[in-house]
PDB file of N, CA and C in Angstrom:
ATOM      1  N   MET A   1      -9.789  36.370 -36.308  1.00  0.00           N
ATOM      2  CA  MET A   1     -10.248  37.598 -35.691  1.00  0.00           C
ATOM      3  C   MET A   1      -9.059  38.379 -35.200  1.00  0.00           C
ATOM      4  N   SER A   2      -8.971  39.615 -35.574  1.00  0.00           N
ATOM      5  CA  SER A   2      -7.883  40.461 -35.136  1.00  0.00           C
ATOM      6  C   SER A   2      -8.329  41.297 -33.951  1.00  0.00           C
ATOM      7  N   ILE A   3      -7.549  41.282 -32.880  1.00  0.00           N
ATOM      8  CA  ILE A   3      -7.887  42.099 -31.722  1.00  0.00           C
ATOM      9  C   ILE A   3      -7.027  43.353 -31.664  1.00  0.00           C
ATOM     10  N   GLY A   4      -6.169  43.535 -32.659  1.00  0.00           N
ATOM     11  CA  GLY A   4      -5.311  44.704 -32.682  1.00  0.00           C
ATOM     12  C   GLY A   4      -6.076  45.992 -32.874  1.00  0.00           C
ATOM     13  N   GLY A   5      -7.241  45.946 -33.470  1.00  0.00           N
ATOM     14  CA  GLY A   5      -8.037  47.135 -33.713  1.00  0.00           C
ATOM     15  C   GLY A   5      -8.595  47.746 -32.458  1.00  0.00           C
ATOM     16  N   ILE A   6      -8.711  46.983 -31.389  1.00  0.00           N
ATOM     17  CA  ILE A   6      -9.263  47.504 -30.148  1.00  0.00           C
ATOM     18  C   ILE A   6      -8.356  48.580 -29.578  1.00  0.00           C
ATOM     19  N   GLU A   7      -7.047  48.348 -29.592  1.00  0.00           N
ATOM     20  CA  GLU A   7      -6.127  49.354 -29.095  1.00  0.00           C
ATOM     21  C   GLU A   7      -6.140  50.589 -29.988  1.00  0.00           C
ATOM     22  N   ALA A   8      -6.403  50.398 -31.283  1.00  0.00           N
ATOM     23  CA  ALA A   8      -6.403  51.518 -32.218  1.00  0.00           C
ATOM     24  C   ALA A   8      -7.504  52.514 -31.908  1.00  0.00           C
ATOM     25  N   ILE A   9      -8.622  52.052 -31.339  1.00  0.00           N
ATOM     26  CA  ILE A   9      -9.703  52.983 -31.017  1.00  0.00           C
ATOM     27  C   ILE A   9      -9.588  53.511 -29.598  1.00  0.00           C
ATOM     28  N   GLY A  10      -8.516  53.120 -28.904  1.00  0.00           N
ATOM     29  CA  GLY A  10      -8.253  53.670 -27.589  1.00  0.00           C
ATOM     30  C   GLY A  10      -8.856  52.880 -26.445  1.00  0.00           C
ATOM     31  N   PHE A  11      -9.389  51.685 -26.687  1.00  0.00           N
ATOM     32  CA  PHE A  11      -9.985  50.886 -25.628  1.00  0.00           C
ATOM     33  C   PHE A  11      -9.070  49.737 -25.299  1.00  0.00           C
ATOM     34  N   THR A  12      -8.620  49.683 -24.061  1.00  0.00           N
ATOM     35  CA  THR A  12      -7.786  48.573 -23.609  1.00  0.00           C
ATOM     36  C   THR A  12      -8.393  47.998 -22.340  1.00  0.00           C
ATOM     37  N   PRO A  13      -9.269  46.982 -22.457  1.00  0.00           N
ATOM     38  CA  PRO A  13      -9.917  46.436 -21.280  1.00  0.00           C
ATOM     39  C   PRO A  13      -8.959  45.736 -20.329  1.00  0.00           C
ATOM     40  N   LEU A  14      -7.901  45.181 -20.863  1.00  0.00           N
ATOM     41  CA  LEU A  14      -6.932  44.482 -20.041  1.00  0.00           C
ATOM     42  C   LEU A  14      -5.551  45.030 -20.338  1.00  0.00           C
ATOM     43  N   ALA A  15      -4.783  45.260 -19.303  1.00  0.00           N
ATOM     44  CA  ALA A  15      -3.440  45.780 -19.497  1.00  0.00           C
ATOM     45  C   ALA A  15      -2.578  44.722 -20.174  1.00  0.00           C
ATOM     46  N   ALA A  16      -1.583  45.187 -20.907  1.00  0.00           N
ATOM     47  CA  ALA A  16      -0.677  44.261 -21.579  1.00  0.00           C
ATOM     48  C   ALA A  16       0.105  43.472 -20.540  1.00  0.00           C
ATOM     49  N   PRO A  17       0.279  42.176 -20.754  1.00  0.00           N
ATOM     50  CA  PRO A  17       0.994  41.363 -19.768  1.00  0.00           C
ATOM     51  C   PRO A  17       2.461  41.746 -19.695  1.00  0.00           C
ATOM     52  N   VAL A  18       2.984  41.723 -18.501  1.00  0.00           N
ATOM     53  CA  VAL A  18       4.395  41.992 -18.294  1.00  0.00           C
ATOM     54  C   VAL A  18       5.105  40.651 -18.309  1.00  0.00           C
ATOM     55  N   VAL A  19       5.964  40.473 -19.291  1.00  0.00           N
ATOM     56  CA  VAL A  19       6.683  39.210 -19.434  1.00  0.00           C
ATOM     57  C   VAL A  19       8.121  39.457 -19.033  1.00  0.00           C
ATOM     58  N   SER A  20       8.554  38.747 -18.019  1.00  0.00           N
ATOM     59  CA  SER A  20       9.940  38.896 -17.584  1.00  0.00           C
ATOM     60  C   SER A  20      10.704  37.632 -17.936  1.00  0.00           C
ATOM     61  N   ALA A  21      11.979  37.796 -18.124  1.00  0.00           N
ATOM     62  CA  ALA A  21      12.826  36.659 -18.475  1.00  0.00           C
ATOM     63  C   ALA A  21      12.989  35.764 -17.255  1.00  0.00           C
ATOM     64  N   PRO A  22      13.021  34.452 -17.459  1.00  0.00           N
ATOM     65  CA  PRO A  22      13.225  33.547 -16.331  1.00  0.00           C
ATOM     66  C   PRO A  22      14.605  33.747 -15.711  1.00  0.00           C
ATOM     67  N   ALA A  23      14.720  33.437 -14.431  1.00  0.00           N
ATOM     68  CA  ALA A  23      15.981  33.629 -13.716  1.00  0.00           C
ATOM     69  C   ALA A  23      17.093  32.773 -14.310  1.00  0.00           C
ATOM     70  N   SER A  24      16.759  31.575 -14.750  1.00  0.00           N
ATOM     71  CA  SER A  24      17.759  30.701 -15.347  1.00  0.00           C
ATOM     72  C   SER A  24      17.093  29.881 -16.443  1.00  0.00           C
ATOM     73  N   PRO A  25      17.880  29.348 -17.374  1.00  0.00           N
ATOM     74  CA  PRO A  25      17.277  28.530 -18.420  1.00  0.00           C
ATOM     75  C   PRO A  25      16.528  27.321 -17.859  1.00  0.00           C
ATOM     76  N   ALA A  26      16.941  26.815 -16.716  1.00  0.00           N
ATOM     77  CA  ALA A  26      16.263  25.670 -16.117  1.00  0.00           C
ATOM     78  C   ALA A  26      14.892  26.057 -15.574  1.00  0.00           C
ATOM     79  N   ALA A  27      14.706  27.342 -15.244  1.00  0.00           N
ATOM     80  CA  ALA A  27      13.433  27.794 -14.685  1.00  0.00           C
ATOM     81  C   ALA A  27      12.343  27.831 -15.747  1.00  0.00           C
ATOM     82  N   ALA A  28      12.718  27.960 -17.005  1.00  0.00           N
ATOM     83  CA  ALA A  28      11.727  28.005 -18.083  1.00  0.00           C
ATOM     84  C   ALA A  28      11.499  26.586 -18.587  1.00  0.00           C
ATOM     85  N   SER A  29      10.225  26.206 -18.649  1.00  0.00           N
ATOM     86  CA  SER A  29       9.939  24.859 -19.147  1.00  0.00           C
ATOM     87  C   SER A  29       9.498  24.894 -20.598  1.00  0.00           C
ATOM     88  N   GLY A  30       9.689  26.009 -21.266  1.00  0.00           N
ATOM     89  CA  GLY A  30       9.361  26.106 -22.680  1.00  0.00           C
ATOM     90  C   GLY A  30       8.327  27.170 -22.952  1.00  0.00           C
ATOM     91  N   PRO A  31       7.974  27.329 -24.231  1.00  0.00           N
ATOM     92  CA  PRO A  31       7.038  28.377 -24.604  1.00  0.00           C
ATOM     93  C   PRO A  31       5.645  28.154 -24.024  1.00  0.00           C
ATOM     94  N   GLY A  32       5.280  26.932 -23.722  1.00  0.00           N
ATOM     95  CA  GLY A  32       3.958  26.653 -23.169  1.00  0.00           C
ATOM     96  C   GLY A  32       3.748  27.279 -21.807  1.00  0.00           C
ATOM     97  N   SER A  33       4.813  27.381 -21.021  1.00  0.00           N
ATOM     98  CA  SER A  33       4.674  27.960 -19.692  1.00  0.00           C
ATOM     99  C   SER A  33       4.372  29.452 -19.781  1.00  0.00           C
ATOM    100  N   ASP A  34       4.973  30.154 -20.734  1.00  0.00           N
ATOM    101  CA  ASP A  34       4.687  31.574 -20.909  1.00  0.00           C
ATOM    102  C   ASP A  34       3.254  31.778 -21.368  1.00  0.00           C
ATOM    103  N   PHE A  35       2.799  30.968 -22.305  1.00  0.00           N
ATOM    104  CA  PHE A  35       1.428  31.083 -22.798  1.00  0.00           C
ATOM    105  C   PHE A  35       0.439  30.775 -21.686  1.00  0.00           C
ATOM    106  N   GLY A  36       0.705  29.737 -20.919  1.00  0.00           N
ATOM    107  CA  GLY A  36      -0.186  29.365 -19.824  1.00  0.00           C
ATOM    108  C   GLY A  36      -0.292  30.453 -18.782  1.00  0.00           C
ATOM    109  N   SER A  37       0.839  31.067 -18.447  1.00  0.00           N
ATOM    110  CA  SER A  37       0.801  32.142 -17.453  1.00  0.00           C
ATOM    111  C   SER A  37       0.094  33.371 -18.003  1.00  0.00           C
ATOM    112  N   MET A  38       0.237  33.637 -19.300  1.00  0.00           N
ATOM    113  CA  MET A  38      -0.477  34.765 -19.906  1.00  0.00           C
ATOM    114  C   MET A  38      -1.979  34.526 -19.878  1.00  0.00           C
ATOM    115  N   VAL A  39      -2.409  33.298 -20.149  1.00  0.00           N
ATOM    116  CA  VAL A  39      -3.831  32.972 -20.125  1.00  0.00           C
ATOM    117  C   VAL A  39      -4.380  33.134 -18.711  1.00  0.00           C
ATOM    118  N   LEU A  40      -3.670  32.585 -17.733  1.00  0.00           N
ATOM    119  CA  LEU A  40      -4.126  32.704 -16.348  1.00  0.00           C
ATOM    120  C   LEU A  40      -4.168  34.154 -15.891  1.00  0.00           C
ATOM    121  N   ASP A  41      -3.166  34.939 -16.272  1.00  0.00           N
ATOM    122  CA  ASP A  41      -3.137  36.354 -15.914  1.00  0.00           C
ATOM    123  C   ASP A  41      -4.308  37.100 -16.546  1.00  0.00           C
ATOM    124  N   GLY A  42      -4.595  36.793 -17.797  1.00  0.00           N
ATOM    125  CA  GLY A  42      -5.723  37.441 -18.478  1.00  0.00           C
ATOM    126  C   GLY A  42      -7.055  37.099 -17.836  1.00  0.00           C
ATOM    127  N   ILE A  43      -7.209  35.851 -17.427  1.00  0.00           N
ATOM    128  CA  ILE A  43      -8.458  35.437 -16.769  1.00  0.00           C
ATOM    129  C   ILE A  43      -8.600  36.126 -15.410  1.00  0.00           C
ATOM    130  N   GLU A  44      -7.493  36.250 -14.682  1.00  0.00           N
ATOM    131  CA  GLU A  44      -7.537  36.937 -13.390  1.00  0.00           C
ATOM    132  C   GLU A  44      -7.903  38.411 -13.567  1.00  0.00           C
ATOM    133  N   ARG A  45      -7.352  39.051 -14.595  1.00  0.00           N
ATOM    134  CA  ARG A  45      -7.682  40.462 -14.845  1.00  0.00           C
ATOM    135  C   ARG A  45      -9.129  40.614 -15.278  1.00  0.00           C
ATOM    136  N   LEU A  46      -9.642  39.664 -16.072  1.00  0.00           N
ATOM    137  CA  LEU A  46     -11.049  39.687 -16.458  1.00  0.00           C
ATOM    138  C   LEU A  46     -11.929  39.572 -15.226  1.00  0.00           C
ATOM    139  N   GLU A  47     -11.560  38.683 -14.317  1.00  0.00           N
ATOM    140  CA  GLU A  47     -12.318  38.527 -13.080  1.00  0.00           C
ATOM    141  C   GLU A  47     -12.318  39.823 -12.271  1.00  0.00           C
ATOM    142  N   GLY A  48     -11.188  40.518 -12.247  1.00  0.00           N
ATOM    143  CA  GLY A  48     -11.105  41.799 -11.539  1.00  0.00           C
ATOM    144  C   GLY A  48     -12.029  42.845 -12.139  1.00  0.00           C
ATOM    145  N   VAL A  49     -12.081  42.908 -13.471  1.00  0.00           N
ATOM    146  CA  VAL A  49     -12.961  43.866 -14.155  1.00  0.00           C
ATOM    147  C   VAL A  49     -14.424  43.547 -13.832  1.00  0.00           C
ATOM    148  N   GLN A  50     -14.760  42.270 -13.839  1.00  0.00           N
ATOM    149  CA  GLN A  50     -16.132  41.866 -13.534  1.00  0.00           C
ATOM    150  C   GLN A  50     -16.475  42.131 -12.073  1.00  0.00           C
ATOM    151  N   ASP A  51     -15.537  41.898 -11.169  1.00  0.00           N
ATOM    152  CA  ASP A  51     -15.772  42.176  -9.749  1.00  0.00           C
ATOM    153  C   ASP A  51     -16.009  43.664  -9.507  1.00  0.00           C
ATOM    154  N   LYS A  52     -15.246  44.502 -10.212  1.00  0.00           N
ATOM    155  CA  LYS A  52     -15.432  45.952 -10.089  1.00  0.00           C
ATOM    156  C   LYS A  52     -16.833  46.341 -10.540  1.00  0.00           C
ATOM    157  N   ALA A  53     -17.270  45.801 -11.677  1.00  0.00           N
ATOM    158  CA  ALA A  53     -18.609  46.112 -12.185  1.00  0.00           C
ATOM    159  C   ALA A  53     -19.679  45.607 -11.225  1.00  0.00           C
ATOM    160  N   ASP A  54     -19.476  44.430 -10.651  1.00  0.00           N
ATOM    161  CA  ASP A  54     -20.445  43.886  -9.694  1.00  0.00           C
ATOM    162  C   ASP A  54     -20.543  44.764  -8.448  1.00  0.00           C
ATOM    163  N   GLY A  55     -19.404  45.210  -7.953  1.00  0.00           N
ATOM    164  CA  GLY A  55     -19.396  46.088  -6.782  1.00  0.00           C
ATOM    165  C   GLY A  55     -20.107  47.401  -7.044  1.00  0.00           C
ATOM    166  N   LEU A  56     -19.862  47.964  -8.216  1.00  0.00           N
ATOM    167  CA  LEU A  56     -20.546  49.213  -8.567  1.00  0.00           C
ATOM    168  C   LEU A  56     -22.040  48.989  -8.771  1.00  0.00           C
ATOM    169  N   ALA A  57     -22.429  47.816  -9.262  1.00  0.00           N
ATOM    170  CA  ALA A  57     -23.854  47.507  -9.433  1.00  0.00           C
ATOM    171  C   ALA A  57     -24.556  47.466  -8.083  1.00  0.00           C
ATOM    172  N   VAL A  58     -23.903  46.880  -7.088  1.00  0.00           N
ATOM    173  CA  VAL A  58     -24.485  46.827  -5.738  1.00  0.00           C
ATOM    174  C   VAL A  58     -24.621  48.228  -5.172  1.00  0.00           C
ATOM    175  N   ARG A  59     -23.583  49.054  -5.354  1.00  0.00           N
ATOM    176  CA  ARG A  59     -23.644  50.441  -4.868  1.00  0.00           C
ATOM    177  C   ARG A  59     -24.723  51.239  -5.586  1.00  0.00           C
ATOM    178  N   ALA A  60     -24.888  50.997  -6.896  1.00  0.00           N
ATOM    179  CA  ALA A  60     -25.925  51.712  -7.654  1.00  0.00           C
ATOM    180  C   ALA A  60     -27.317  51.290  -7.177  1.00  0.00           C
ATOM    181  N   ALA A  61     -27.486  50.000  -6.920  1.00  0.00           N
ATOM    182  CA  ALA A  61     -28.787  49.502  -6.469  1.00  0.00           C
ATOM    183  C   ALA A  61     -29.125  49.984  -5.065  1.00  0.00           C
ATOM    184  N   SER A  62     -28.106  50.153  -4.227  1.00  0.00           N
ATOM    185  CA  SER A  62     -28.358  50.606  -2.860  1.00  0.00           C
ATOM    186  C   SER A  62     -28.432  52.124  -2.745  1.00  0.00           C
ATOM    187  N   GLY A  63     -28.104  52.825  -3.816  1.00  0.00           N
ATOM    188  CA  GLY A  63     -28.187  54.282  -3.813  1.00  0.00           C
ATOM    189  C   GLY A  63     -26.969  54.983  -3.255  1.00  0.00           C
ATOM    190  N   THR A  64     -25.868  54.261  -3.062  1.00  0.00           N
ATOM    191  CA  THR A  64     -24.656  54.879  -2.510  1.00  0.00           C
ATOM    192  C   THR A  64     -23.640  55.255  -3.583  1.00  0.00           C
ATOM    193  N   LEU A  65     -23.989  55.069  -4.834  1.00  0.00           N
ATOM    194  CA  LEU A  65     -23.083  55.428  -5.932  1.00  0.00           C
ATOM    195  C   LEU A  65     -23.464  56.812  -6.433  1.00  0.00           C
ATOM    196  N   PRO A  66     -22.581  57.793  -6.248  1.00  0.00           N
ATOM    197  CA  PRO A  66     -22.948  59.166  -6.634  1.00  0.00           C
ATOM    198  C   PRO A  66     -23.089  59.366  -8.150  1.00  0.00           C
ATOM    199  N   ASN A  67     -22.300  58.673  -8.933  1.00  0.00           N
ATOM    200  CA  ASN A  67     -22.342  58.839 -10.388  1.00  0.00           C
ATOM    201  C   ASN A  67     -22.677  57.502 -11.038  1.00  0.00           C
ATOM    202  N   ILE A  68     -23.884  57.370 -11.547  1.00  0.00           N
ATOM    203  CA  ILE A  68     -24.336  56.115 -12.144  1.00  0.00           C
ATOM    204  C   ILE A  68     -23.539  55.773 -13.393  1.00  0.00           C
ATOM    205  N   HIS A  69     -22.965  56.786 -14.034  1.00  0.00           N
ATOM    206  CA  HIS A  69     -22.198  56.507 -15.253  1.00  0.00           C
ATOM    207  C   HIS A  69     -20.945  55.693 -14.946  1.00  0.00           C
ATOM    208  N   ASP A  70     -20.445  55.746 -13.706  1.00  0.00           N
ATOM    209  CA  ASP A  70     -19.302  54.903 -13.339  1.00  0.00           C
ATOM    210  C   ASP A  70     -19.667  53.429 -13.483  1.00  0.00           C
ATOM    211  N   TYR A  71     -20.862  53.075 -13.027  1.00  0.00           N
ATOM    212  CA  TYR A  71     -21.317  51.691 -13.168  1.00  0.00           C
ATOM    213  C   TYR A  71     -21.521  51.334 -14.636  1.00  0.00           C
ATOM    214  N   THR A  72     -22.117  52.247 -15.396  1.00  0.00           N
ATOM    215  CA  THR A  72     -22.382  51.970 -16.810  1.00  0.00           C
ATOM    216  C   THR A  72     -21.081  51.694 -17.559  1.00  0.00           C
ATOM    217  N   LEU A  73     -20.076  52.501 -17.296  1.00  0.00           N
ATOM    218  CA  LEU A  73     -18.778  52.294 -17.946  1.00  0.00           C
ATOM    219  C   LEU A  73     -18.134  50.981 -17.513  1.00  0.00           C
ATOM    220  N   ALA A  74     -18.180  50.678 -16.220  1.00  0.00           N
ATOM    221  CA  ALA A  74     -17.583  49.435 -15.725  1.00  0.00           C
ATOM    222  C   ALA A  74     -18.313  48.214 -16.277  1.00  0.00           C
ATOM    223  N   ALA A  75     -19.637  48.281 -16.355  1.00  0.00           N
ATOM    224  CA  ALA A  75     -20.414  47.158 -16.884  1.00  0.00           C
ATOM    225  C   ALA A  75     -20.115  46.945 -18.364  1.00  0.00           C
ATOM    226  N   THR A  76     -19.996  48.022 -19.111  1.00  0.00           N
ATOM    227  CA  THR A  76     -19.681  47.909 -20.534  1.00  0.00           C
ATOM    228  C   THR A  76     -18.275  47.367 -20.731  1.00  0.00           C
ATOM    229  N   GLU A  77     -17.334  47.824 -19.921  1.00  0.00           N
ATOM    230  CA  GLU A  77     -15.966  47.315 -20.011  1.00  0.00           C
ATOM    231  C   GLU A  77     -15.932  45.819 -19.699  1.00  0.00           C
ATOM    232  N   ALA A  78     -16.668  45.396 -18.676  1.00  0.00           N
ATOM    233  CA  ALA A  78     -16.710  43.973 -18.323  1.00  0.00           C
ATOM    234  C   ALA A  78     -17.347  43.157 -19.444  1.00  0.00           C
ATOM    235  N   GLU A  79     -18.392  43.698 -20.064  1.00  0.00           N
ATOM    236  CA  GLU A  79     -19.058  42.987 -21.161  1.00  0.00           C
ATOM    237  C   GLU A  79     -18.126  42.811 -22.357  1.00  0.00           C
ATOM    238  N   VAL A  80     -17.429  43.885 -22.730  1.00  0.00           N
ATOM    239  CA  VAL A  80     -16.528  43.826 -23.880  1.00  0.00           C
ATOM    240  C   VAL A  80     -15.349  42.896 -23.582  1.00  0.00           C
ATOM    241  N   ALA A  81     -14.809  42.970 -22.377  1.00  0.00           N
ATOM    242  CA  ALA A  81     -13.696  42.096 -22.005  1.00  0.00           C
ATOM    243  C   ALA A  81     -14.126  40.636 -22.022  1.00  0.00           C
ATOM    244  N   THR A  82     -15.337  40.360 -21.555  1.00  0.00           N
ATOM    245  CA  THR A  82     -15.846  38.988 -21.571  1.00  0.00           C
ATOM    246  C   THR A  82     -16.029  38.495 -22.997  1.00  0.00           C
ATOM    247  N   LYS A  83     -16.603  39.330 -23.860  1.00  0.00           N
ATOM    248  CA  LYS A  83     -16.796  38.937 -25.261  1.00  0.00           C
ATOM    249  C   LYS A  83     -15.457  38.688 -25.945  1.00  0.00           C
ATOM    250  N   LEU A  84     -14.472  39.521 -25.653  1.00  0.00           N
ATOM    251  CA  LEU A  84     -13.141  39.346 -26.237  1.00  0.00           C
ATOM    252  C   LEU A  84     -12.516  38.039 -25.754  1.00  0.00           C
ATOM    253  N   THR A  85     -12.644  37.745 -24.474  1.00  0.00           N
ATOM    254  CA  THR A  85     -12.102  36.512 -23.920  1.00  0.00           C
ATOM    255  C   THR A  85     -12.764  35.285 -24.538  1.00  0.00           C
ATOM    256  N   VAL A  86     -14.066  35.338 -24.707  1.00  0.00           N
ATOM    257  CA  VAL A  86     -14.787  34.224 -25.323  1.00  0.00           C
ATOM    258  C   VAL A  86     -14.359  34.048 -26.781  1.00  0.00           C
ATOM    259  N   ALA A  87     -14.173  35.164 -27.492  1.00  0.00           N
ATOM    260  CA  ALA A  87     -13.743  35.078 -28.888  1.00  0.00           C
ATOM    261  C   ALA A  87     -12.349  34.464 -28.994  1.00  0.00           C
ATOM    262  N   VAL A  88     -11.438  34.858 -28.111  1.00  0.00           N
ATOM    263  CA  VAL A  88     -10.091  34.290 -28.118  1.00  0.00           C
ATOM    264  C   VAL A  88     -10.149  32.806 -27.773  1.00  0.00           C
ATOM    265  N   ARG A  89     -10.977  32.444 -26.795  1.00  0.00           N
ATOM    266  CA  ARG A  89     -11.136  31.030 -26.434  1.00  0.00           C
ATOM    267  C   ARG A  89     -11.655  30.227 -27.618  1.00  0.00           C
ATOM    268  N   ASN A  90     -12.654  30.765 -28.312  1.00  0.00           N
ATOM    269  CA  ASN A  90     -13.220  30.061 -29.469  1.00  0.00           C
ATOM    270  C   ASN A  90     -12.179  29.862 -30.562  1.00  0.00           C
ATOM    271  N   LYS A  91     -11.361  30.869 -30.802  1.00  0.00           N
ATOM    272  CA  LYS A  91     -10.303  30.742 -31.807  1.00  0.00           C
ATOM    273  C   LYS A  91      -9.253  29.717 -31.375  1.00  0.00           C
ATOM    274  N   ALA A  92      -8.940  29.671 -30.095  1.00  0.00           N
ATOM    275  CA  ALA A  92      -7.970  28.690 -29.607  1.00  0.00           C
ATOM    276  C   ALA A  92      -8.519  27.273 -29.762  1.00  0.00           C
ATOM    277  N   ILE A  93      -9.788  27.085 -29.461  1.00  0.00           N
ATOM    278  CA  ILE A  93     -10.407  25.769 -29.622  1.00  0.00           C
ATOM    279  C   ILE A  93     -10.452  25.387 -31.099  1.00  0.00           C
ATOM    280  N   GLU A  94     -10.757  26.345 -31.948  1.00  0.00           N
ATOM    281  CA  GLU A  94     -10.789  26.098 -33.391  1.00  0.00           C
ATOM    282  C   GLU A  94      -9.397  25.701 -33.888  1.00  0.00           C
ATOM    283  N   ALA A  95      -8.361  26.393 -33.425  1.00  0.00           N
ATOM    284  CA  ALA A  95      -6.990  26.070 -33.833  1.00  0.00           C
ATOM    285  C   ALA A  95      -6.587  24.687 -33.319  1.00  0.00           C
ATOM    286  N   PHE A  96      -6.938  24.380 -32.083  1.00  0.00           N
ATOM    287  CA  PHE A  96      -6.627  23.060 -31.525  1.00  0.00           C
ATOM    288  C   PHE A  96      -7.320  21.961 -32.322  1.00  0.00           C
ATOM    289  N   SER A  97      -8.583  22.174 -32.663  1.00  0.00           N
ATOM    290  CA  SER A  97      -9.331  21.178 -33.445  1.00  0.00           C
ATOM    291  C   SER A  97      -8.687  20.977 -34.816  1.00  0.00           C
ATOM    292  N   GLU A  98      -8.231  22.058 -35.415  1.00  0.00           N
ATOM    293  CA  GLU A  98      -7.572  21.972 -36.716  1.00  0.00           C
ATOM    294  C   GLU A  98      -6.263  21.179 -36.613  1.00  0.00           C
ATOM    295  N   ILE A  99      -5.517  21.424 -35.561  1.00  0.00           N
ATOM    296  CA  ILE A  99      -4.270  20.682 -35.358  1.00  0.00           C
ATOM    297  C   ILE A  99      -4.556  19.198 -35.171  1.00  0.00           C
ATOM    298  N   MET A 100      -5.601  18.879 -34.431  1.00  0.00           N
ATOM    299  CA  MET A 100      -5.943  17.480 -34.187  1.00  0.00           C
ATOM    300  C   MET A 100      -6.388  16.757 -35.465  1.00  0.00           C
ATOM    301  N   ARG A 101      -6.897  17.501 -36.447  1.00  0.00           N
ATOM    302  CA  ARG A 101      -7.330  16.889 -37.716  1.00  0.00           C
ATOM    303  C   ARG A 101      -6.174  16.684 -38.694  1.00  0.00           C
ATOM    304  N   MET A 102      -5.009  17.248 -38.407  1.00  0.00           N
ATOM    305  CA  MET A 102      -3.872  17.131 -39.316  1.00  0.00           C
ATOM    306  C   MET A 102      -3.382  15.692 -39.402  1.00  0.00           C
ATOM    307  N   GLN A 103      -2.969  15.319 -40.609  1.00  0.00           N
ATOM    308  CA  GLN A 103      -2.414  13.982 -40.853  1.00  0.00           C
ATOM    309  C   GLN A 103      -0.949  13.974 -40.447  1.00  0.00           C
ATOM    310  N   VAL A 104      -0.534  12.928 -39.781  1.00  0.00           N
ATOM    311  CA  VAL A 104       0.876  12.789 -39.384  1.00  0.00           C
ATOM    312  C   VAL A 104       1.535  11.805 -40.345  1.00  0.00           C
ATOM    313  N   GLY A 105       2.652  12.200 -40.867  1.00  0.00           N
ATOM    314  CA  GLY A 105       3.403  11.272 -41.707  1.00  0.00           C
ATOM    315  C   GLY A 105       3.394  11.591 -43.092  1.00  0.00           C
TER     316      GLY A 105
END
């Protein structure tokens, strides 16, 4: 599954991660640490998008949200971001399973 097409249509549910170089070579424990931090950062940003949609849903239900379309947009963004995250997770699990089936030797 290619996720590059999402940016092509102008929709970016999650900002691109900012990757900075480690202070020293000893501070980096390898490529796994960068991937792990990117995954955690993406999950935190997804949670933020969902929290925003939840907050707007409460305001819409209580009648304090002046523009209902703000909630609609936030809910749709949260839905698409969640679906994208699940798709990436499924592909990662599929890749891991494939690696585990490989013959060694």
